[in-house]
């Protein structure tokens, strides 16, 4: 796994924490109680998704985004949601200010939205199945996962 920039306005100490946390698959900024294994490179996640028969879930976030924090720490950390996410998706934590090159190439095809948080659901071949922006209550987020998983 590769660590990426911790985002605008985040100091060196935060960057060191980010780099250290990515080595064990935890989310770089938020605590999800080890509910999900997070990757930071979309191309690696898509390869894993293709091999495992899952889809990719990309969370573009900022360390300072309250909506992003709530999505990871409150919604994704819920047992039912974490179980569904892990069973059907490979999760990617992406820095909204410095996405990896594979993800950056997808951004122009998405509707213009404030990406904090921006959730992008991808087929293993990289096709966008669904994208949503802003905070999501647990029931809505679970419905988003189910909808994205059901698309061909």
Protein backbone atom coordinates (compact mmCIF):
# COMPACT_ATOMS: atom_id res chain seq x y z
CA UNK A 1 0.00 0.00 0.00
CA UNK A 2 1.15 3.49 -0.71
CA UNK A 3 0.52 6.49 1.51
CA UNK A 4 -0.47 9.74 -0.13
CA UNK A 5 -0.46 13.36 0.95
CA UNK A 6 -2.45 14.07 4.06
CA UNK A 7 -4.10 17.05 2.37
CA UNK A 8 -3.97 20.81 2.49
CA UNK A 9 -3.28 22.43 5.81
CA UNK A 10 -2.31 19.23 7.59
CA UNK A 11 1.10 19.42 9.24
CA UNK A 12 4.06 17.07 9.25
CA UNK A 13 2.99 15.25 12.43
CA UNK A 14 -0.37 14.36 10.89
CA UNK A 15 1.38 13.17 7.73
CA UNK A 16 3.56 10.79 9.77
CA UNK A 17 0.46 9.36 11.47
CA UNK A 18 -1.20 8.97 8.06
CA UNK A 19 1.81 7.14 6.62
CA UNK A 20 2.06 4.81 9.62
CA UNK A 21 -1.66 3.96 9.67
CA UNK A 22 -1.77 3.02 5.99
CA UNK A 23 0.74 0.23 6.55
CA UNK A 24 -1.91 -1.79 8.36
CA UNK A 25 -4.94 -0.99 6.17
CA UNK A 26 -6.71 1.37 8.57
CA UNK A 27 -8.27 4.58 7.30
CA UNK A 28 -5.64 7.33 7.11
CA UNK A 29 -7.52 9.99 9.09
CA UNK A 30 -10.52 8.47 10.77
CA UNK A 31 -11.12 5.61 13.20
CA UNK A 32 -13.50 2.99 11.80
CA UNK A 33 -12.81 0.46 14.59
CA UNK A 34 -11.05 -1.79 12.03
CA UNK A 35 -14.37 -2.31 10.27
CA UNK A 36 -12.81 -2.13 6.80
CA UNK A 37 -9.41 -2.61 5.19
CA UNK A 38 -8.59 0.56 3.27
CA UNK A 39 -6.34 0.80 0.23
CA UNK A 40 -4.89 4.02 -1.15
CA UNK A 41 -4.23 3.07 -4.78
CA UNK A 42 -7.20 2.65 -7.08
CA UNK A 43 -5.37 0.47 -9.59
CA UNK A 44 -4.48 -2.02 -6.83
CA UNK A 45 -8.07 -1.98 -5.57
CA UNK A 46 -9.50 -2.57 -9.06
CA UNK A 47 -7.15 -5.52 -9.58
CA UNK A 48 -8.24 -6.96 -6.22
CA UNK A 49 -11.90 -6.33 -7.10
CA UNK A 50 -11.53 -8.16 -10.43
CA UNK A 51 -9.75 -11.09 -8.80
CA UNK A 52 -12.23 -11.39 -5.92
CA UNK A 53 -15.44 -10.70 -7.88
CA UNK A 54 -16.19 -7.52 -5.92
CA UNK A 55 -16.56 -3.87 -6.89
CA UNK A 56 -14.52 -0.87 -5.70
CA UNK A 57 -15.79 1.74 -3.26
CA UNK A 58 -13.79 4.98 -3.25
CA UNK A 59 -14.18 7.50 -0.47
CA UNK A 60 -12.66 10.84 -1.42
CA UNK A 61 -12.27 12.81 1.78
CA UNK A 62 -10.38 15.52 3.60
CA UNK A 63 -8.90 15.06 7.06
CA UNK A 64 -10.77 18.16 8.20
CA UNK A 65 -14.19 17.16 6.79
CA UNK A 66 -16.80 16.48 9.46
CA UNK A 67 -19.02 14.73 6.92
CA UNK A 68 -16.19 12.41 5.92
CA UNK A 69 -15.39 11.66 9.56
CA UNK A 70 -19.03 10.83 10.32
CA UNK A 71 -19.30 8.55 7.28
CA UNK A 72 -16.24 6.51 8.30
CA UNK A 73 -16.54 6.57 12.08
CA UNK A 74 -20.31 6.30 12.49
CA UNK A 75 -21.79 4.85 9.31
CA UNK A 76 -19.15 2.51 7.84
CA UNK A 77 -18.20 1.33 11.33
CA UNK A 78 -21.71 -0.08 11.85
CA UNK A 79 -21.55 -3.88 11.78
CA UNK A 80 -24.24 -4.40 9.11
CA UNK A 81 -22.71 -1.81 6.79
CA UNK A 82 -19.11 -2.92 7.32
CA UNK A 83 -20.12 -6.52 6.62
CA UNK A 84 -21.89 -5.60 3.35
CA UNK A 85 -19.08 -3.27 2.26
CA UNK A 86 -16.37 -5.85 2.92
CA UNK A 87 -18.28 -8.69 1.27
CA UNK A 88 -19.05 -6.82 -1.97
CA UNK A 89 -16.47 -4.02 -2.29
CA UNK A 90 -12.78 -3.21 -2.04
CA UNK A 91 -12.50 0.08 -0.13
CA UNK A 92 -10.19 2.91 -1.21
CA UNK A 93 -9.36 5.94 0.94
CA UNK A 94 -8.53 8.85 -1.35
CA UNK A 95 -7.25 12.32 -0.55
CA UNK A 96 -9.72 14.74 -2.16
CA UNK A 97 -6.93 17.27 -2.66
CA UNK A 98 -4.39 14.86 -4.16
CA UNK A 99 -6.06 11.73 -5.59
CA UNK A 100 -3.88 9.03 -7.11
CA UNK A 101 -3.43 9.32 -10.90
CA UNK A 102 -5.89 6.53 -11.77
CA UNK A 103 -8.60 8.17 -9.68
CA UNK A 104 -7.76 11.68 -10.93
CA UNK A 105 -8.40 10.45 -14.49
CA UNK A 106 -11.96 9.48 -13.50
CA UNK A 107 -12.86 12.79 -11.89
CA UNK A 108 -13.81 14.71 -15.05
CA UNK A 109 -16.49 12.08 -15.79
CA UNK A 110 -18.20 12.68 -12.43
CA UNK A 111 -20.75 15.40 -11.80
CA UNK A 112 -19.19 18.56 -10.35
CA UNK A 113 -19.67 18.31 -6.59
CA UNK A 114 -17.84 19.28 -3.45
CA UNK A 115 -16.01 16.02 -2.78
CA UNK A 116 -16.16 15.94 1.00
CA UNK A 117 -17.10 13.17 1.14
CA UNK A 118 -17.47 11.97 -2.42
CA UNK A 119 -18.30 8.28 -2.74
CA UNK A 120 -17.61 6.61 -6.07
CA UNK A 121 -18.66 3.03 -6.75
CA UNK A 122 -16.78 1.32 -9.58
CA UNK A 123 -17.01 -1.91 -11.53
CA UNK A 124 -13.75 -3.90 -11.58
CA UNK A 125 -13.06 -2.52 -15.07
CA UNK A 126 -13.15 1.05 -13.70
CA UNK A 127 -16.61 2.03 -14.94
CA UNK A 128 -18.47 4.37 -12.61
CA UNK A 129 -21.60 2.63 -11.34
CA UNK A 130 -22.75 5.34 -8.92
CA UNK A 131 -21.42 8.45 -7.22
CA UNK A 132 -22.79 10.41 -4.29
CA UNK A 133 -21.64 13.52 -2.46
CA UNK A 134 -22.12 14.74 1.07
CA UNK A 135 -22.88 12.98 4.32
CA UNK A 136 -25.10 9.91 4.14
CA UNK A 137 -27.27 8.52 6.95
CA UNK A 138 -26.61 4.82 7.54
CA UNK A 139 -29.79 3.57 5.85
CA UNK A 140 -29.17 5.73 2.76
CA UNK A 141 -25.51 4.66 2.56
CA UNK A 142 -26.48 0.98 2.80
CA UNK A 143 -29.02 1.52 -0.01
CA UNK A 144 -26.26 3.16 -2.08
CA UNK A 145 -24.05 0.09 -1.55
CA UNK A 146 -26.88 -2.25 -2.53
CA UNK A 147 -27.71 -0.17 -5.62
CA UNK A 148 -24.09 -0.03 -6.77
CA UNK A 149 -23.61 -3.75 -6.17
CA UNK A 150 -26.72 -4.59 -8.21
CA UNK A 151 -25.57 -2.64 -11.30
CA UNK A 152 -23.92 -4.51 -14.14
